[in-house]
Amino acid sequence: MNEQTGRPTLIFDVKAFDAAVADRGFTKQEDKADYLGVSRASYSKVTRGLEQPSPKFIAAVLLRFTDPDSPDTLNRFFKAEIR
């Protein structure tokens, strides 16, 4: 009999992101969503854990925060879990 296992889930690390955008002067959710270029509704759902980050959301974070000297942007803002 097979054990039932959870599904892999991608989690957006809101605390790490908030710290990174605070350095750029963004504190309101609307401003953070606009900075990324994603809809406010999508931003809100991802940051509240109601939906997983879409490919567009992930790409927006990578475009804004990828540092050629530190290629760990995915690990900085996204965590994978089994749920």
C-alpha atoms as a PDB file:
ATOM      1  CA  MET A   1       0.000   0.000   0.000  1.00  0.00           C
ATOM      2  CA  ASN A   2       1.348   3.445  -0.899  1.00  0.00           C
ATOM      3  CA  GLU A   3       1.679   6.075   1.748  1.00  0.00           C
ATOM      4  CA  GLN A   4      -0.190   9.221   0.944  1.00  0.00           C
ATOM      5  CA  THR A   5       2.193  12.148   0.747  1.00  0.00           C
ATOM      6  CA  GLY A   6       1.660  15.876   0.618  1.00  0.00           C
ATOM      7  CA  ARG A   7       2.047  18.010  -2.453  1.00  0.00           C
ATOM      8  CA  PRO A   8       5.069  20.226  -3.084  1.00  0.00           C
ATOM      9  CA  THR A   9       4.136  23.850  -2.464  1.00  0.00           C
ATOM     10  CA  LEU A  10       6.033  27.049  -3.208  1.00  0.00           C
ATOM     11  CA  ILE A  11       5.792  29.587  -0.385  1.00  0.00           C
ATOM     12  CA  PHE A  12       6.612  33.279  -0.783  1.00  0.00           C
ATOM     13  CA  ASP A  13       8.659  34.586   2.170  1.00  0.00           C
ATOM     14  CA  VAL A  14       6.779  37.806   2.904  1.00  0.00           C
ATOM     15  CA  LYS A  15       9.083  38.875   5.760  1.00  0.00           C
ATOM     16  CA  ALA A  16      12.200  38.680   3.589  1.00  0.00           C
ATOM     17  CA  PHE A  17      10.447  40.534   0.776  1.00  0.00           C
ATOM     18  CA  ASP A  18       9.109  43.248   3.109  1.00  0.00           C
ATOM     19  CA  ALA A  19      12.620  43.843   4.431  1.00  0.00           C
ATOM     20  CA  ALA A  20      14.015  44.095   0.893  1.00  0.00           C
ATOM     21  CA  VAL A  21      11.382  46.552  -0.346  1.00  0.00           C
ATOM     22  CA  ALA A  22      11.499  48.629   2.843  1.00  0.00           C
ATOM     23  CA  ASP A  23      15.095  49.431   1.883  1.00  0.00           C
ATOM     24  CA  ARG A  24      13.669  50.867  -1.345  1.00  0.00           C
ATOM     25  CA  GLY A  25      11.024  52.935   0.475  1.00  0.00           C
ATOM     26  CA  PHE A  26       7.949  50.784  -0.192  1.00  0.00           C
ATOM     27  CA  THR A  27       5.706  50.105   2.782  1.00  0.00           C
ATOM     28  CA  LYS A  28       2.147  49.923   1.396  1.00  0.00           C
ATOM     29  CA  GLN A  29       0.869  46.769  -0.277  1.00  0.00           C
ATOM     30  CA  GLU A  30      -0.275  48.749  -3.314  1.00  0.00           C
ATOM     31  CA  ASP A  31       3.197  50.222  -3.776  1.00  0.00           C
ATOM     32  CA  LYS A  32       4.845  46.810  -3.461  1.00  0.00           C
ATOM     33  CA  ALA A  33       2.515  45.298  -6.064  1.00  0.00           C
ATOM     34  CA  ASP A  34       3.101  48.233  -8.413  1.00  0.00           C
ATOM     35  CA  TYR A  35       6.869  47.925  -7.922  1.00  0.00           C
ATOM     36  CA  LEU A  36       6.704  44.286  -9.006  1.00  0.00           C
ATOM     37  CA  GLY A  37       4.279  45.006 -11.818  1.00  0.00           C
ATOM     38  CA  VAL A  38       1.695  42.485 -10.620  1.00  0.00           C
ATOM     39  CA  SER A  39      -1.947  43.065  -9.801  1.00  0.00           C
ATOM     40  CA  ARG A  40      -2.767  44.106  -6.272  1.00  0.00           C
ATOM     41  CA  ALA A  41      -5.211  41.222  -5.962  1.00  0.00           C
ATOM     42  CA  SER A  42      -2.556  38.687  -6.948  1.00  0.00           C
ATOM     43  CA  TYR A  43       0.001  40.272  -4.629  1.00  0.00           C
ATOM     44  CA  SER A  44      -2.469  40.191  -1.745  1.00  0.00           C
ATOM     45  CA  LYS A  45      -3.399  36.540  -2.295  1.00  0.00           C
ATOM     46  CA  VAL A  46       0.224  35.404  -2.511  1.00  0.00           C
ATOM     47  CA  THR A  47       1.359  37.370   0.545  1.00  0.00           C
ATOM     48  CA  ARG A  48      -1.562  36.078   2.617  1.00  0.00           C
ATOM     49  CA  GLY A  49      -0.810  32.504   1.562  1.00  0.00           C
ATOM     50  CA  LEU A  50      -4.116  32.064  -0.267  1.00  0.00           C
ATOM     51  CA  GLU A  51      -2.450  31.090  -3.540  1.00  0.00           C
ATOM     52  CA  GLN A  52       0.955  30.009  -4.742  1.00  0.00           C
ATOM     53  CA  PRO A  53       3.089  32.510  -6.640  1.00  0.00           C
ATOM     54  CA  SER A  54       2.379  32.393 -10.367  1.00  0.00           C
ATOM     55  CA  PRO A  55       5.211  32.239 -12.908  1.00  0.00           C
ATOM     56  CA  LYS A  56       4.609  35.946 -13.624  1.00  0.00           C
ATOM     57  CA  PHE A  57       4.924  36.776  -9.916  1.00  0.00           C
ATOM     58  CA  ILE A  58       8.141  34.765  -9.573  1.00  0.00           C
ATOM     59  CA  ALA A  59       9.600  36.370 -12.701  1.00  0.00           C
ATOM     60  CA  ALA A  60       8.727  39.852 -11.396  1.00  0.00           C
ATOM     61  CA  VAL A  61      10.565  39.178  -8.126  1.00  0.00           C
ATOM     62  CA  LEU A  62      13.573  37.803  -9.999  1.00  0.00           C
ATOM     63  CA  LEU A  63      13.691  40.800 -12.348  1.00  0.00           C
ATOM     64  CA  ARG A  64      13.645  43.269  -9.457  1.00  0.00           C
ATOM     65  CA  PHE A  65      15.998  41.488  -7.079  1.00  0.00           C
ATOM     66  CA  THR A  66      18.430  39.269  -8.978  1.00  0.00           C
ATOM     67  CA  ASP A  67      21.975  40.230  -8.112  1.00  0.00           C
ATOM     68  CA  PRO A  68      24.641  38.809 -10.445  1.00  0.00           C
ATOM     69  CA  ASP A  69      27.016  38.577  -7.486  1.00  0.00           C
ATOM     70  CA  SER A  70      24.471  36.642  -5.414  1.00  0.00           C
ATOM     71  CA  PRO A  71      22.419  34.244  -7.543  1.00  0.00           C
ATOM     72  CA  ASP A  72      20.313  32.951  -4.647  1.00  0.00           C
ATOM     73  CA  THR A  73      17.267  35.206  -5.171  1.00  0.00           C
ATOM     74  CA  LEU A  74      14.923  32.239  -5.399  1.00  0.00           C
ATOM     75  CA  ASN A  75      16.152  30.900  -2.065  1.00  0.00           C
ATOM     76  CA  ARG A  76      15.933  34.347  -0.514  1.00  0.00           C
ATOM     77  CA  PHE A  77      12.239  34.895  -1.258  1.00  0.00           C
ATOM     78  CA  PHE A  78      10.755  31.464  -1.954  1.00  0.00           C
ATOM     79  CA  LYS A  79      10.624  28.293   0.117  1.00  0.00           C
ATOM     80  CA  ALA A  80       9.446  24.864  -0.968  1.00  0.00           C
ATOM     81  CA  GLU A  81       7.415  22.748   1.437  1.00  0.00           C
ATOM     82  CA  ILE A  82       5.419  19.544   1.345  1.00  0.00           C
ATOM     83  CA  ARG A  83       1.858  20.154   2.500  1.00  0.00           C
END
